[in-house]
C-alpha atoms as a PDB file:
ATOM      1  CA  UNK A   1      95.139 -67.856  62.498  1.00  0.00           C
ATOM      2  CA  UNK A   2      93.845 -70.031  59.728  1.00  0.00           C
ATOM      3  CA  UNK A   3      91.528 -72.696  61.003  1.00  0.00           C
ATOM      4  CA  UNK A   4      90.694 -75.782  59.046  1.00  0.00           C
ATOM      5  CA  UNK A   5      87.370 -77.167  59.947  1.00  0.00           C
ATOM      6  CA  UNK A   6      87.333 -80.580  61.604  1.00  0.00           C
ATOM      7  CA  UNK A   7      85.802 -83.711  60.239  1.00  0.00           C
ATOM      8  CA  UNK A   8      82.314 -82.364  60.870  1.00  0.00           C
ATOM      9  CA  UNK A   9      83.061 -79.405  58.599  1.00  0.00           C
ATOM     10  CA  UNK A  10      85.217 -81.196  56.068  1.00  0.00           C
ATOM     11  CA  UNK A  11      82.887 -82.326  53.385  1.00  0.00           C
ATOM     12  CA  UNK A  12      84.019 -85.512  51.679  1.00  0.00           C
ATOM     13  CA  UNK A  13      82.017 -86.943  48.842  1.00  0.00           C
ATOM     14  CA  UNK A  14      82.531 -90.162  46.982  1.00  0.00           C
ATOM     15  CA  UNK A  15      80.434 -90.885  43.924  1.00  0.00           C
ATOM     16  CA  UNK A  16      80.079 -93.813  41.594  1.00  0.00           C
ATOM     17  CA  UNK A  17      78.260 -93.190  38.373  1.00  0.00           C
ATOM     18  CA  UNK A  18      77.271 -96.013  36.053  1.00  0.00           C
ATOM     19  CA  UNK A  19      79.678 -96.103  33.149  1.00  0.00           C
ATOM     20  CA  UNK A  20      82.329 -93.977  34.871  1.00  0.00           C
ATOM     21  CA  UNK A  21      85.815 -95.458  34.878  1.00  0.00           C
ATOM     22  CA  UNK A  22      86.654 -94.813  38.540  1.00  0.00           C
ATOM     23  CA  UNK A  23      85.051 -93.075  41.484  1.00  0.00           C
ATOM     24  CA  UNK A  24      85.933 -89.437  42.098  1.00  0.00           C
ATOM     25  CA  UNK A  25      86.679 -87.988  45.519  1.00  0.00           C
ATOM     26  CA  UNK A  26      86.099 -84.286  46.176  1.00  0.00           C
ATOM     27  CA  UNK A  27      86.757 -82.327  49.358  1.00  0.00           C
ATOM     28  CA  UNK A  28      86.127 -78.813  50.569  1.00  0.00           C
ATOM     29  CA  UNK A  29      87.878 -77.027  53.407  1.00  0.00           C
ATOM     30  CA  UNK A  30      87.108 -73.565  54.737  1.00  0.00           C
ATOM     31  CA  UNK A  31      88.950 -71.260  57.102  1.00  0.00           C
ATOM     32  CA  UNK A  32      86.067 -70.757  59.550  1.00  0.00           C
ATOM     33  CA  UNK A  33      82.539 -71.841  60.411  1.00  0.00           C
ATOM     34  CA  UNK A  34      81.694 -68.243  61.343  1.00  0.00           C
ATOM     35  CA  UNK A  35      83.130 -65.859  58.701  1.00  0.00           C
ATOM     36  CA  UNK A  36      83.226 -62.159  59.585  1.00  0.00           C
ATOM     37  CA  UNK A  37      81.659 -59.504  57.348  1.00  0.00           C
ATOM     38  CA  UNK A  38      84.256 -57.984  55.037  1.00  0.00           C
ATOM     39  CA  UNK A  39      87.178 -60.112  56.260  1.00  0.00           C
ATOM     40  CA  UNK A  40      88.939 -62.674  54.101  1.00  0.00           C
ATOM     41  CA  UNK A  41      87.446 -66.162  54.361  1.00  0.00           C
ATOM     42  CA  UNK A  42      89.307 -68.914  52.555  1.00  0.00           C
ATOM     43  CA  UNK A  43      88.045 -72.043  50.859  1.00  0.00           C
ATOM     44  CA  UNK A  44      89.711 -74.854  48.921  1.00  0.00           C
ATOM     45  CA  UNK A  45      88.159 -77.579  46.765  1.00  0.00           C
ATOM     46  CA  UNK A  46      89.993 -80.645  45.471  1.00  0.00           C
ATOM     47  CA  UNK A  47      89.007 -83.324  42.971  1.00  0.00           C
ATOM     48  CA  UNK A  48      90.942 -86.609  42.873  1.00  0.00           C
ATOM     49  CA  UNK A  49      90.728 -90.034  41.330  1.00  0.00           C
ATOM     50  CA  UNK A  50      90.261 -93.102  43.509  1.00  0.00           C
ATOM     51  CA  UNK A  51      94.058 -93.505  43.335  1.00  0.00           C
ATOM     52  CA  UNK A  52      94.519 -89.997  44.760  1.00  0.00           C
ATOM     53  CA  UNK A  53      95.627 -88.284  41.544  1.00  0.00           C
ATOM     54  CA  UNK A  54      94.401 -84.727  40.872  1.00  0.00           C
ATOM     55  CA  UNK A  55      91.643 -84.584  38.256  1.00  0.00           C
ATOM     56  CA  UNK A  56      90.659 -81.788  35.909  1.00  0.00           C
ATOM     57  CA  UNK A  57      87.280 -80.531  37.084  1.00  0.00           C
ATOM     58  CA  UNK A  58      84.833 -77.651  37.048  1.00  0.00           C
ATOM     59  CA  UNK A  59      82.679 -76.294  39.829  1.00  0.00           C
ATOM     60  CA  UNK A  60      79.903 -73.860  40.521  1.00  0.00           C
ATOM     61  CA  UNK A  61      79.907 -72.069  43.905  1.00  0.00           C
ATOM     62  CA  UNK A  62      76.611 -71.089  45.500  1.00  0.00           C
ATOM     63  CA  UNK A  63      75.243 -69.745  48.782  1.00  0.00           C
ATOM     64  CA  UNK A  64      72.062 -71.463  49.938  1.00  0.00           C
ATOM     65  CA  UNK A  65      69.553 -70.458  52.617  1.00  0.00           C
ATOM     66  CA  UNK A  66      66.750 -72.856  53.572  1.00  0.00           C
ATOM     67  CA  UNK A  67      67.209 -74.801  50.340  1.00  0.00           C
ATOM     68  CA  UNK A  68      67.117 -71.727  48.081  1.00  0.00           C
ATOM     69  CA  UNK A  69      70.099 -70.288  46.217  1.00  0.00           C
ATOM     70  CA  UNK A  70      70.600 -66.662  47.310  1.00  0.00           C
ATOM     71  CA  UNK A  71      74.149 -66.071  46.072  1.00  0.00           C
ATOM     72  CA  UNK A  72      76.670 -67.391  43.582  1.00  0.00           C
ATOM     73  CA  UNK A  73      80.183 -66.922  42.234  1.00  0.00           C
ATOM     74  CA  UNK A  74      80.208 -64.534  39.278  1.00  0.00           C
ATOM     75  CA  UNK A  75      83.316 -62.858  37.932  1.00  0.00           C
ATOM     76  CA  UNK A  76      85.463 -63.774  40.945  1.00  0.00           C
ATOM     77  CA  UNK A  77      83.062 -62.586  43.685  1.00  0.00           C
ATOM     78  CA  UNK A  78      79.955 -63.852  45.485  1.00  0.00           C
ATOM     79  CA  UNK A  79      76.910 -61.897  44.285  1.00  0.00           C
ATOM     80  CA  UNK A  80      73.175 -62.157  44.966  1.00  0.00           C
ATOM     81  CA  UNK A  81      71.511 -64.523  42.491  1.00  0.00           C
ATOM     82  CA  UNK A  82      68.798 -67.169  42.344  1.00  0.00           C
ATOM     83  CA  UNK A  83      68.234 -70.493  40.661  1.00  0.00           C
ATOM     84  CA  UNK A  84      69.888 -73.891  40.850  1.00  0.00           C
ATOM     85  CA  UNK A  85      71.938 -73.147  37.710  1.00  0.00           C
ATOM     86  CA  UNK A  86      73.112 -69.695  38.822  1.00  0.00           C
ATOM     87  CA  UNK A  87      76.794 -68.879  38.865  1.00  0.00           C
ATOM     88  CA  UNK A  88      79.872 -69.142  36.706  1.00  0.00           C
ATOM     89  CA  UNK A  89      81.579 -72.489  36.106  1.00  0.00           C
ATOM     90  CA  UNK A  90      85.147 -72.442  37.419  1.00  0.00           C
ATOM     91  CA  UNK A  91      87.584 -74.776  35.670  1.00  0.00           C
ATOM     92  CA  UNK A  92      90.488 -76.132  37.738  1.00  0.00           C
ATOM     93  CA  UNK A  93      93.127 -78.840  37.666  1.00  0.00           C
ATOM     94  CA  UNK A  94      92.695 -80.892  40.817  1.00  0.00           C
ATOM     95  CA  UNK A  95      92.657 -78.045  43.350  1.00  0.00           C
ATOM     96  CA  UNK A  96      91.191 -74.566  43.496  1.00  0.00           C
ATOM     97  CA  UNK A  97      91.309 -72.146  46.391  1.00  0.00           C
ATOM     98  CA  UNK A  98      89.912 -68.695  46.820  1.00  0.00           C
ATOM     99  CA  UNK A  99      89.008 -65.900  49.182  1.00  0.00           C
ATOM    100  CA  UNK A 100      85.589 -64.403  49.836  1.00  0.00           C
ATOM    101  CA  UNK A 101      84.756 -61.209  51.733  1.00  0.00           C
ATOM    102  CA  UNK A 102      81.201 -61.847  52.961  1.00  0.00           C
ATOM    103  CA  UNK A 103      78.706 -58.977  52.558  1.00  0.00           C
ATOM    104  CA  UNK A 104      76.792 -57.449  55.463  1.00  0.00           C
ATOM    105  CA  UNK A 105      73.425 -58.258  53.808  1.00  0.00           C
ATOM    106  CA  UNK A 106      73.785 -61.879  55.025  1.00  0.00           C
ATOM    107  CA  UNK A 107      74.816 -60.957  58.587  1.00  0.00           C
ATOM    108  CA  UNK A 108      73.581 -63.450  61.170  1.00  0.00           C
ATOM    109  CA  UNK A 109      72.038 -65.782  58.592  1.00  0.00           C
ATOM    110  CA  UNK A 110      72.571 -69.527  58.760  1.00  0.00           C
ATOM    111  CA  UNK A 111      73.766 -70.337  55.264  1.00  0.00           C
ATOM    112  CA  UNK A 112      75.322 -73.196  53.349  1.00  0.00           C
ATOM    113  CA  UNK A 113      78.301 -72.614  51.087  1.00  0.00           C
ATOM    114  CA  UNK A 114      78.060 -75.182  48.296  1.00  0.00           C
ATOM    115  CA  UNK A 115      80.379 -76.350  45.549  1.00  0.00           C
ATOM    116  CA  UNK A 116      78.911 -78.427  42.742  1.00  0.00           C
ATOM    117  CA  UNK A 117      81.945 -80.277  41.349  1.00  0.00           C
ATOM    118  CA  UNK A 118      81.998 -82.132  38.037  1.00  0.00           C
ATOM    119  CA  UNK A 119      84.984 -84.404  37.310  1.00  0.00           C
ATOM    120  CA  UNK A 120      85.373 -87.510  35.162  1.00  0.00           C
ATOM    121  CA  UNK A 121      81.667 -87.329  34.199  1.00  0.00           C
ATOM    122  CA  UNK A 122      80.637 -87.443  37.879  1.00  0.00           C
ATOM    123  CA  UNK A 123      78.856 -84.732  39.851  1.00  0.00           C
ATOM    124  CA  UNK A 124      79.429 -84.146  43.569  1.00  0.00           C
ATOM    125  CA  UNK A 125      77.817 -81.576  45.859  1.00  0.00           C
ATOM    126  CA  UNK A 126      80.008 -80.334  48.730  1.00  0.00           C
ATOM    127  CA  UNK A 127      78.456 -78.338  51.573  1.00  0.00           C
ATOM    128  CA  UNK A 128      79.795 -76.266  54.452  1.00  0.00           C
ATOM    129  CA  UNK A 129      77.375 -74.589  56.889  1.00  0.00           C
ATOM    130  CA  UNK A 130      78.322 -71.023  57.838  1.00  0.00           C
ATOM    131  CA  UNK A 131      76.877 -68.117  59.797  1.00  0.00           C
ATOM    132  CA  UNK A 132      78.088 -64.615  58.896  1.00  0.00           C
ATOM    133  CA  UNK A 133      79.274 -62.630  61.945  1.00  0.00           C
ATOM    134  CA  UNK A 134      79.641 -58.850  62.492  1.00  0.00           C
ATOM    135  CA  UNK A 135      83.036 -57.191  62.604  1.00  0.00           C
ATOM    136  CA  UNK A 136      84.502 -57.271  66.132  1.00  0.00           C
END
């Protein structure tokens, strides 16, 4: 059963940047707060104008532990990496969804799944806390 996280887990960001035409809204939803090692975990990120229209955007996906990047999206999978600029930029047109199978190396860790979204010259950071669980 696919669960969408409630308001506490839905990350909504609104940013106004000097010189930008209109504010951008970005959201992230995930299928679970407690993903299971090796099982499909879904995420979706949207970028919209203030009027609700989809915007072309790009994002970088990272896994953070205690403020430090420990993983990032590279070539369609989450891999170990470090550094604030780590990871591949993903270009999308208003909405992008994907599936991650979490590795056992992060089992039991309290992590933050982050999406750094850039749209209409504005940058938004979306965060979803997760804790990787063992297979039942």
